[in-house]
Amino acid sequence: MAFKGVKIAMKCIVKLHWDAESRIWHTESDDVPGLVLESGSCDVLIERVRMAAPEMLELNCNYIGPIQLSFETIRIDNLELVS
């Protein structure tokens, strides 16, 4: 049920990938066109996404309104067993 005057937030998924070789987190999102960011810290990258996503949606989609961001972190580490 929708209430008059209540805006429903646009739901956006942002994936954060770890690149072990360069030791950098970087973004991927089908929901936020133009969102290309990177950082050495996952927490810093999330804050950068929070600041940039509304601007990217306004510039690339003409969307101004509430946004719900969901973050998925993807990190794969290859380990060698030592006996």
N, C-alpha and C. Protein backbone atom coordinates (compact mmCIF):
# COMPACT_ATOMS: atom_id res chain seq x y z
N MET A 1 0.84 -1.16 0.00
CA MET A 1 0.00 0.00 0.00
C MET A 1 0.89 1.24 0.00
N ALA A 2 0.63 2.17 -0.90
CA ALA A 2 1.40 3.41 -0.99
C ALA A 2 0.64 4.52 -0.27
N PHE A 3 1.38 5.35 0.43
CA PHE A 3 0.78 6.47 1.13
C PHE A 3 1.03 7.75 0.33
N LYS A 4 0.05 8.61 0.28
CA LYS A 4 0.16 9.86 -0.46
C LYS A 4 1.33 10.67 0.09
N GLY A 5 2.19 11.13 -0.81
CA GLY A 5 3.32 11.96 -0.42
C GLY A 5 4.56 11.18 -0.02
N VAL A 6 4.49 9.86 0.06
CA VAL A 6 5.64 9.05 0.44
C VAL A 6 6.33 8.56 -0.83
N LYS A 7 7.62 8.91 -0.96
CA LYS A 7 8.38 8.46 -2.12
C LYS A 7 9.07 7.15 -1.80
N ILE A 8 8.99 6.22 -2.73
CA ILE A 8 9.66 4.94 -2.59
C ILE A 8 11.08 5.10 -3.13
N ALA A 9 12.06 4.64 -2.37
CA ALA A 9 13.46 4.78 -2.75
C ALA A 9 13.81 3.88 -3.93
N MET A 10 14.65 4.42 -4.82
CA MET A 10 15.21 3.60 -5.91
C MET A 10 16.22 2.65 -5.28
N LYS A 11 16.09 1.37 -5.57
CA LYS A 11 17.00 0.37 -5.02
C LYS A 11 18.17 0.14 -5.98
N CYS A 12 19.37 0.28 -5.47
CA CYS A 12 20.57 0.13 -6.28
C CYS A 12 21.52 -0.84 -5.58
N ILE A 13 22.07 -1.74 -6.36
CA ILE A 13 23.08 -2.68 -5.85
C ILE A 13 24.44 -2.24 -6.37
N VAL A 14 25.39 -2.14 -5.45
CA VAL A 14 26.76 -1.79 -5.80
C VAL A 14 27.66 -2.93 -5.33
N LYS A 15 28.42 -3.49 -6.24
CA LYS A 15 29.36 -4.57 -5.89
C LYS A 15 30.75 -3.95 -5.71
N LEU A 16 31.40 -4.36 -4.64
CA LEU A 16 32.76 -3.92 -4.35
C LEU A 16 33.68 -5.12 -4.51
N HIS A 17 34.58 -5.03 -5.46
CA HIS A 17 35.50 -6.13 -5.78
C HIS A 17 36.91 -5.81 -5.28
N TRP A 18 37.56 -6.80 -4.72
CA TRP A 18 38.94 -6.68 -4.27
C TRP A 18 39.86 -7.18 -5.36
N ASP A 19 40.86 -6.38 -5.73
CA ASP A 19 41.89 -6.79 -6.67
C ASP A 19 43.16 -7.02 -5.86
N ALA A 20 43.48 -8.28 -5.63
CA ALA A 20 44.62 -8.62 -4.76
C ALA A 20 45.95 -8.15 -5.34
N GLU A 21 46.07 -8.18 -6.66
CA GLU A 21 47.34 -7.78 -7.28
C GLU A 21 47.64 -6.30 -7.06
N SER A 22 46.64 -5.45 -7.27
CA SER A 22 46.85 -4.02 -7.08
C SER A 22 46.49 -3.55 -5.68
N ARG A 23 45.89 -4.44 -4.88
CA ARG A 23 45.49 -4.15 -3.51
C ARG A 23 44.52 -2.97 -3.44
N ILE A 24 43.52 -3.02 -4.33
CA ILE A 24 42.53 -1.94 -4.46
C ILE A 24 41.12 -2.54 -4.52
N TRP A 25 40.16 -1.89 -3.85
CA TRP A 25 38.75 -2.18 -4.01
C TRP A 25 38.23 -1.32 -5.14
N HIS A 26 37.34 -1.88 -5.98
CA HIS A 26 36.73 -1.07 -7.05
C HIS A 26 35.25 -1.42 -7.16
N THR A 27 34.49 -0.52 -7.77
CA THR A 27 33.03 -0.66 -7.83
C THR A 27 32.56 -1.24 -9.15
N GLU A 28 31.35 -1.83 -9.08
CA GLU A 28 30.62 -2.30 -10.26
C GLU A 28 29.14 -2.15 -9.93
N SER A 29 28.37 -1.54 -10.85
CA SER A 29 26.93 -1.42 -10.60
C SER A 29 26.19 -1.26 -11.92
N ASP A 30 25.22 -2.14 -12.15
CA ASP A 30 24.34 -1.99 -13.30
C ASP A 30 23.26 -0.95 -13.01
N ASP A 31 23.06 -0.64 -11.75
CA ASP A 31 21.98 0.27 -11.34
C ASP A 31 22.40 1.73 -11.30
N VAL A 32 23.70 1.99 -11.21
CA VAL A 32 24.21 3.37 -11.13
C VAL A 32 25.19 3.59 -12.28
N PRO A 33 24.69 4.01 -13.45
CA PRO A 33 25.56 4.23 -14.60
C PRO A 33 26.64 5.27 -14.31
N GLY A 34 27.86 4.98 -14.73
CA GLY A 34 28.96 5.92 -14.57
C GLY A 34 29.67 5.84 -13.25
N LEU A 35 29.24 4.95 -12.37
CA LEU A 35 29.88 4.84 -11.05
C LEU A 35 31.15 4.00 -11.18
N VAL A 36 32.28 4.67 -11.25
CA VAL A 36 33.58 4.01 -11.37
C VAL A 36 34.49 4.62 -10.31
N LEU A 37 34.66 3.89 -9.22
CA LEU A 37 35.47 4.38 -8.10
C LEU A 37 36.39 3.28 -7.62
N GLU A 38 37.46 3.68 -6.93
CA GLU A 38 38.36 2.70 -6.32
C GLU A 38 38.99 3.30 -5.08
N SER A 39 39.43 2.40 -4.19
CA SER A 39 40.08 2.83 -2.95
C SER A 39 40.82 1.65 -2.35
N GLY A 40 41.79 1.93 -1.54
CA GLY A 40 42.51 0.89 -0.82
C GLY A 40 41.74 0.38 0.39
N SER A 41 40.67 1.08 0.76
CA SER A 41 39.87 0.71 1.92
C SER A 41 38.42 0.51 1.51
N CYS A 42 37.85 -0.61 1.94
CA CYS A 42 36.44 -0.91 1.64
C CYS A 42 35.53 0.14 2.29
N ASP A 43 35.80 0.50 3.54
CA ASP A 43 34.97 1.49 4.23
C ASP A 43 35.02 2.86 3.56
N VAL A 44 36.19 3.26 3.13
CA VAL A 44 36.32 4.54 2.43
C VAL A 44 35.58 4.49 1.11
N LEU A 45 35.66 3.36 0.41
CA LEU A 45 34.97 3.23 -0.86
C LEU A 45 33.45 3.31 -0.68
N ILE A 46 32.92 2.71 0.36
CA ILE A 46 31.49 2.80 0.62
C ILE A 46 31.08 4.25 0.83
N GLU A 47 31.86 5.00 1.58
CA GLU A 47 31.53 6.42 1.79
C GLU A 47 31.60 7.21 0.49
N ARG A 48 32.57 6.89 -0.35
CA ARG A 48 32.67 7.58 -1.66
C ARG A 48 31.47 7.26 -2.53
N VAL A 49 31.01 6.00 -2.50
CA VAL A 49 29.82 5.60 -3.27
C VAL A 49 28.61 6.36 -2.76
N ARG A 50 28.47 6.47 -1.43
CA ARG A 50 27.33 7.18 -0.84
C ARG A 50 27.28 8.64 -1.30
N MET A 51 28.43 9.24 -1.52
CA MET A 51 28.48 10.62 -1.98
C MET A 51 28.26 10.73 -3.49
N ALA A 52 28.79 9.78 -4.26
CA ALA A 52 28.76 9.87 -5.73
C ALA A 52 27.48 9.33 -6.37
N ALA A 53 26.86 8.31 -5.77
CA ALA A 53 25.71 7.66 -6.41
C ALA A 53 24.56 8.63 -6.71
N PRO A 54 24.15 9.48 -5.77
CA PRO A 54 23.06 10.41 -6.10
C PRO A 54 23.40 11.33 -7.28
N GLU A 55 24.64 11.78 -7.32
CA GLU A 55 25.07 12.65 -8.43
C GLU A 55 25.07 11.89 -9.76
N MET A 56 25.56 10.66 -9.76
CA MET A 56 25.59 9.86 -10.98
C MET A 56 24.17 9.58 -11.49
N LEU A 57 23.26 9.28 -10.57
CA LEU A 57 21.87 9.01 -10.97
C LEU A 57 21.20 10.27 -11.51
N GLU A 58 21.53 11.41 -10.93
CA GLU A 58 20.96 12.67 -11.45
C GLU A 58 21.53 12.99 -12.83
N LEU A 59 22.84 12.88 -12.99
CA LEU A 59 23.49 13.23 -14.26
C LEU A 59 23.14 12.25 -15.38
N ASN A 60 23.12 10.96 -15.08
CA ASN A 60 22.98 9.95 -16.13
C ASN A 60 21.56 9.43 -16.33
N CYS A 61 20.69 9.64 -15.33
CA CYS A 61 19.32 9.10 -15.41
C CYS A 61 18.24 10.14 -15.14
N ASN A 62 18.66 11.37 -14.87
CA ASN A 62 17.72 12.43 -14.49
C ASN A 62 16.86 12.03 -13.30
N TYR A 63 17.43 11.26 -12.38
CA TYR A 63 16.69 10.81 -11.20
C TYR A 63 17.09 11.65 -10.00
N ILE A 64 16.10 12.23 -9.35
CA ILE A 64 16.31 12.94 -8.09
C ILE A 64 15.28 12.38 -7.11
N GLY A 65 15.74 11.75 -6.09
CA GLY A 65 14.84 11.17 -5.10
C GLY A 65 15.60 10.29 -4.15
N PRO A 66 14.87 9.62 -3.28
CA PRO A 66 15.53 8.74 -2.31
C PRO A 66 16.17 7.52 -2.98
N ILE A 67 17.26 7.09 -2.41
CA ILE A 67 18.01 5.95 -2.95
C ILE A 67 18.29 4.97 -1.82
N GLN A 68 18.11 3.69 -2.09
CA GLN A 68 18.51 2.65 -1.14
C GLN A 68 19.69 1.91 -1.77
N LEU A 69 20.86 2.01 -1.14
CA LEU A 69 22.06 1.34 -1.64
C LEU A 69 22.28 0.04 -0.90
N SER A 70 22.48 -1.03 -1.65
CA SER A 70 22.87 -2.32 -1.10
C SER A 70 24.28 -2.61 -1.59
N PHE A 71 25.16 -2.96 -0.66
CA PHE A 71 26.55 -3.24 -1.01
C PHE A 71 26.83 -4.73 -0.91
N GLU A 72 27.49 -5.25 -1.93
CA GLU A 72 27.96 -6.64 -1.94
C GLU A 72 29.47 -6.60 -2.07
N THR A 73 30.17 -7.18 -1.12
CA THR A 73 31.63 -7.22 -1.22
C THR A 73 32.05 -8.59 -1.74
N ILE A 74 33.00 -8.55 -2.66
CA ILE A 74 33.52 -9.77 -3.27
C ILE A 74 35.04 -9.75 -3.12
N ARG A 75 35.54 -10.69 -2.34
CA ARG A 75 36.98 -10.78 -2.13
C ARG A 75 37.38 -12.23 -2.19
N ILE A 76 38.31 -12.51 -3.05
CA ILE A 76 38.83 -13.87 -3.20
C ILE A 76 40.31 -13.83 -2.88
N ASP A 77 40.73 -14.65 -1.92
CA ASP A 77 42.14 -14.76 -1.56
C ASP A 77 42.62 -16.17 -1.89
N ASN A 78 43.74 -16.25 -2.56
CA ASN A 78 44.36 -17.55 -2.85
C ASN A 78 45.48 -17.77 -1.83
N LEU A 79 45.36 -18.84 -1.08
CA LEU A 79 46.31 -19.12 -0.02
C LEU A 79 47.08 -20.39 -0.35
N GLU A 80 48.34 -20.40 0.08
CA GLU A 80 49.15 -21.61 -0.08
C GLU A 80 49.31 -22.26 1.29
N LEU A 81 49.09 -23.54 1.33
CA LEU A 81 49.24 -24.28 2.59
C LEU A 81 50.70 -24.55 2.84
N VAL A 82 51.09 -24.35 4.06
CA VAL A 82 52.48 -24.61 4.48
C VAL A 82 52.44 -25.78 5.44
N SER A 83 53.24 -26.82 5.11
CA SER A 83 53.22 -27.99 6.01
C SER A 83 54.47 -28.06 6.83
